[in-house]
Amino acid sequence: MSGERVTSITAAADVELPEWAMVTEKRRAHIARVTALLDAWAAALGLGDDERRAWHDVGVLHDALRDASEDALRRLTADTERPVHILHGPAVAGLLAREGEQRLDVLEAIRWHTLGSAGWGGTGKALYMADFLEPGRPFLRADRAFLAAHVTADFDGVFRQVVRTRIEWTVREGKMLFPETAALWNTVR
């Protein structure tokens, strides 16, 4: 993918969440920033209406249950084993599917946005990058802003760097590297 660089987000994102969403105001602001970034990239890349809508929708919905209780997330996912901090994506994807969402790229982008997926197309990759690069996060501000500004000029290159940076942080912090993340790395290195 190529296009002009996006250097700033100028328009506020429409973040009308479903009734079942459980988010704090801080999380809603994060969702708005992610969605605005995705909308700006989609416009700069000249994506078609369907793909633009998919990018917008994953931005709005990816963290719709991020502030739900552990009990709610485990009930929605039927997952009693995995760490709770990775269950909000699968919970949202499951609810959306039950409500009739049929766009597989949207469901898979949301389901795996925390860990990554080796099977992603553009929608999943864009969400993974926007969630990490959105300007409200307090770490590596200059580096992340540089990468965000270059997504439309070098989509795959920036994606590779985001995956690398996230894995380096995970290893440096001594956190668990999930199999899905390792499989994603093996597709981009």
Protein backbone atom coordinates (compact mmCIF):
# COMPACT_ATOMS: atom_id res chain seq x y z
CA MET A 1 0.00 0.00 0.00
CA SER A 2 1.24 3.47 -0.68
CA GLY A 3 0.01 7.03 -0.47
CA GLU A 4 0.82 10.32 1.11
CA ARG A 5 2.10 10.47 4.66
CA VAL A 6 -0.32 11.29 7.43
CA THR A 7 1.28 13.70 9.86
CA SER A 8 -1.62 14.63 12.12
CA ILE A 9 -5.16 13.75 12.97
CA THR A 10 -7.45 16.64 12.22
CA ALA A 11 -10.95 15.21 12.51
CA ALA A 12 -12.62 13.82 15.59
CA ALA A 13 -13.71 10.22 15.23
CA ASP A 14 -17.31 9.14 15.60
CA VAL A 15 -17.23 6.70 18.48
CA GLU A 16 -20.81 5.67 18.97
CA LEU A 17 -20.43 2.50 20.99
CA PRO A 18 -22.98 -0.32 21.28
CA GLU A 19 -25.21 -0.46 24.36
CA TRP A 20 -23.25 -3.42 25.74
CA ALA A 21 -19.91 -1.56 25.70
CA MET A 22 -18.10 -1.22 29.03
CA VAL A 23 -15.54 1.57 28.84
CA THR A 24 -14.31 4.40 31.00
CA GLU A 25 -14.01 7.93 29.63
CA LYS A 26 -10.24 7.41 29.39
CA ARG A 27 -10.81 4.29 27.27
CA ARG A 28 -13.39 6.12 25.13
CA ALA A 29 -10.75 8.80 24.41
CA HIS A 30 -8.27 6.07 23.38
CA ILE A 31 -10.90 4.54 21.11
CA ALA A 32 -11.53 7.94 19.51
CA ARG A 33 -7.81 8.46 18.86
CA VAL A 34 -7.38 4.97 17.35
CA THR A 35 -10.43 5.47 15.15
CA ALA A 36 -9.30 8.93 14.02
CA LEU A 37 -5.91 7.52 13.05
CA LEU A 38 -7.50 4.66 11.10
CA ASP A 39 -9.89 7.08 9.36
CA ALA A 40 -7.00 9.38 8.39
CA TRP A 41 -4.92 6.49 7.01
CA ALA A 42 -7.87 5.05 5.09
CA ALA A 43 -8.57 8.43 3.48
CA ALA A 44 -4.91 9.03 2.59
CA LEU A 45 -4.64 5.55 1.09
CA GLY A 46 -7.79 6.10 -0.97
CA LEU A 47 -9.43 2.93 0.29
CA GLY A 48 -12.84 1.94 -1.05
CA ASP A 49 -15.97 2.52 0.99
CA ASP A 50 -16.23 -1.05 2.32
CA GLU A 51 -12.63 -1.16 3.52
CA ARG A 52 -12.86 2.35 4.99
CA ARG A 53 -15.96 1.32 6.93
CA ALA A 54 -14.19 -1.84 8.17
CA TRP A 55 -11.21 0.20 9.40
CA HIS A 56 -13.51 2.69 11.12
CA ASP A 57 -15.59 -0.06 12.73
CA VAL A 58 -12.60 -1.95 14.16
CA GLY A 59 -11.32 1.29 15.63
CA VAL A 60 -14.62 2.00 17.34
CA LEU A 61 -15.23 -1.55 18.56
CA HIS A 62 -11.81 -3.02 19.39
CA ASP A 63 -11.84 -2.00 23.07
CA ALA A 64 -15.61 -1.89 23.60
CA LEU A 65 -15.28 -4.39 26.49
CA ARG A 66 -11.80 -3.43 27.71
CA ASP A 67 -13.15 -2.27 31.06
CA ALA A 68 -15.54 -5.18 31.60
CA SER A 69 -15.10 -7.34 34.68
CA GLU A 70 -13.09 -10.54 34.61
CA ASP A 71 -16.27 -12.52 35.30
CA ALA A 72 -18.04 -10.92 32.33
CA LEU A 73 -15.10 -11.53 29.98
CA ARG A 74 -14.69 -15.14 31.04
CA ARG A 75 -18.44 -15.71 30.68
CA LEU A 76 -18.51 -14.15 27.20
CA THR A 77 -15.48 -16.08 25.95
CA ALA A 78 -15.87 -19.31 27.95
CA ASP A 79 -12.10 -19.01 28.49
CA THR A 80 -10.97 -19.93 31.98
CA GLU A 81 -7.26 -20.28 31.20
CA ARG A 82 -5.85 -17.27 29.37
CA PRO A 83 -4.93 -14.02 31.13
CA VAL A 84 -7.90 -11.69 31.46
CA HIS A 85 -6.12 -8.73 29.80
CA ILE A 86 -6.28 -10.48 26.42
CA LEU A 87 -9.94 -11.54 26.56
CA HIS A 88 -11.66 -8.26 25.62
CA GLY A 89 -10.97 -8.69 21.88
CA PRO A 90 -12.36 -12.24 21.71
CA ALA A 91 -15.34 -11.14 23.82
CA VAL A 92 -16.19 -8.27 21.47
CA ALA A 93 -15.71 -10.43 18.36
CA GLY A 94 -17.97 -13.10 19.83
CA LEU A 95 -20.72 -10.62 20.68
CA LEU A 96 -20.50 -9.03 17.23
CA ALA A 97 -20.73 -12.43 15.54
CA ARG A 98 -23.78 -13.32 17.63
CA GLU A 99 -25.34 -10.00 16.58
CA GLY A 100 -24.82 -10.92 12.93
CA GLU A 101 -21.49 -9.32 11.99
CA GLN A 102 -20.23 -11.30 9.00
CA ARG A 103 -17.11 -9.40 7.93
CA LEU A 104 -14.39 -11.88 8.83
CA ASP A 105 -11.65 -9.24 8.53
CA VAL A 106 -13.45 -7.10 11.13
CA LEU A 107 -14.03 -10.01 13.52
CA GLU A 108 -10.45 -11.29 13.26
CA ALA A 109 -8.93 -7.81 13.60
CA ILE A 110 -10.86 -7.22 16.81
CA ARG A 111 -10.40 -10.77 18.15
CA TRP A 112 -6.59 -10.67 17.85
CA HIS A 113 -5.72 -6.96 18.14
CA THR A 114 -3.89 -7.47 21.43
CA LEU A 115 -1.73 -10.43 20.36
CA GLY A 116 -1.61 -10.24 16.57
CA SER A 117 -2.53 -12.79 13.93
CA ALA A 118 -0.46 -14.34 11.17
CA GLY A 119 -3.59 -14.56 9.00
CA TRP A 120 -4.45 -10.84 8.97
CA GLY A 121 -5.01 -8.69 5.94
CA GLY A 122 -4.95 -4.91 5.90
CA THR A 123 -7.73 -4.34 8.44
CA GLY A 124 -6.08 -6.34 11.21
CA LYS A 125 -2.66 -4.89 10.51
CA ALA A 126 -4.04 -1.34 10.48
CA LEU A 127 -5.79 -1.82 13.84
CA TYR A 128 -2.70 -3.38 15.41
CA MET A 129 -0.65 -0.37 14.32
CA ALA A 130 -3.22 2.28 15.25
CA ASP A 131 -3.75 0.78 18.71
CA PHE A 132 -0.01 1.04 19.36
CA LEU A 133 0.72 4.29 17.52
CA GLU A 134 -2.20 6.44 18.67
CA PRO A 135 -0.82 9.73 20.03
CA GLY A 136 -2.30 9.55 23.53
CA ARG A 137 0.03 6.83 24.73
CA PRO A 138 2.83 8.23 26.91
CA PHE A 139 5.82 6.13 25.79
CA LEU A 140 8.20 6.50 22.82
CA ARG A 141 6.19 9.51 21.61
CA ALA A 142 8.62 10.71 18.93
CA ASP A 143 9.28 7.20 17.57
CA ARG A 144 5.60 6.33 17.46
CA ALA A 145 4.66 9.64 15.84
CA PHE A 146 7.32 9.07 13.17
CA LEU A 147 5.96 5.60 12.44
CA ALA A 148 2.34 6.80 12.39
CA ALA A 149 3.28 9.50 9.89
CA HIS A 150 4.79 6.90 7.55
CA VAL A 151 2.07 4.24 7.56
CA THR A 152 0.58 5.38 4.26
CA ALA A 153 3.98 5.56 2.53
CA ASP A 154 5.28 2.20 3.82
CA PHE A 155 2.41 0.21 5.31
CA ASP A 156 4.23 -3.14 5.45
CA GLY A 157 7.51 -1.64 6.66
CA VAL A 158 5.82 0.26 9.50
CA PHE A 159 3.79 -2.82 10.38
CA ARG A 160 6.99 -4.89 10.63
CA GLN A 161 8.55 -2.24 12.90
CA VAL A 162 5.49 -2.08 15.15
CA VAL A 163 5.47 -5.86 15.55
CA ARG A 164 9.22 -5.81 16.29
CA THR A 165 8.90 -3.00 18.83
CA ARG A 166 6.02 -4.67 20.63
CA ILE A 167 7.88 -7.99 20.83
CA GLU A 168 11.09 -6.32 22.02
CA TRP A 169 9.15 -4.60 24.81
CA THR A 170 7.43 -7.86 25.80
CA VAL A 171 10.74 -9.71 26.03
CA ARG A 172 12.52 -6.83 27.81
CA GLU A 173 9.74 -6.67 30.42
CA GLY A 174 9.88 -10.45 30.95
CA LYS A 175 6.28 -10.89 29.87
CA MET A 176 4.81 -13.93 28.16
CA LEU A 177 5.19 -14.07 24.39
CA PHE A 178 2.01 -15.69 23.11
CA PRO A 179 2.12 -18.23 20.25
CA GLU A 180 -0.07 -15.95 18.11
CA THR A 181 2.46 -13.13 18.44
CA ALA A 182 5.38 -15.41 17.56
CA ALA A 183 3.48 -16.68 14.51
CA LEU A 184 2.81 -13.09 13.44
CA TRP A 185 6.51 -12.26 13.74
CA ASN A 186 7.37 -15.23 11.55
CA THR A 187 5.20 -13.79 8.77
CA VAL A 188 6.79 -10.31 8.78
CA ARG A 189 10.48 -10.74 9.55
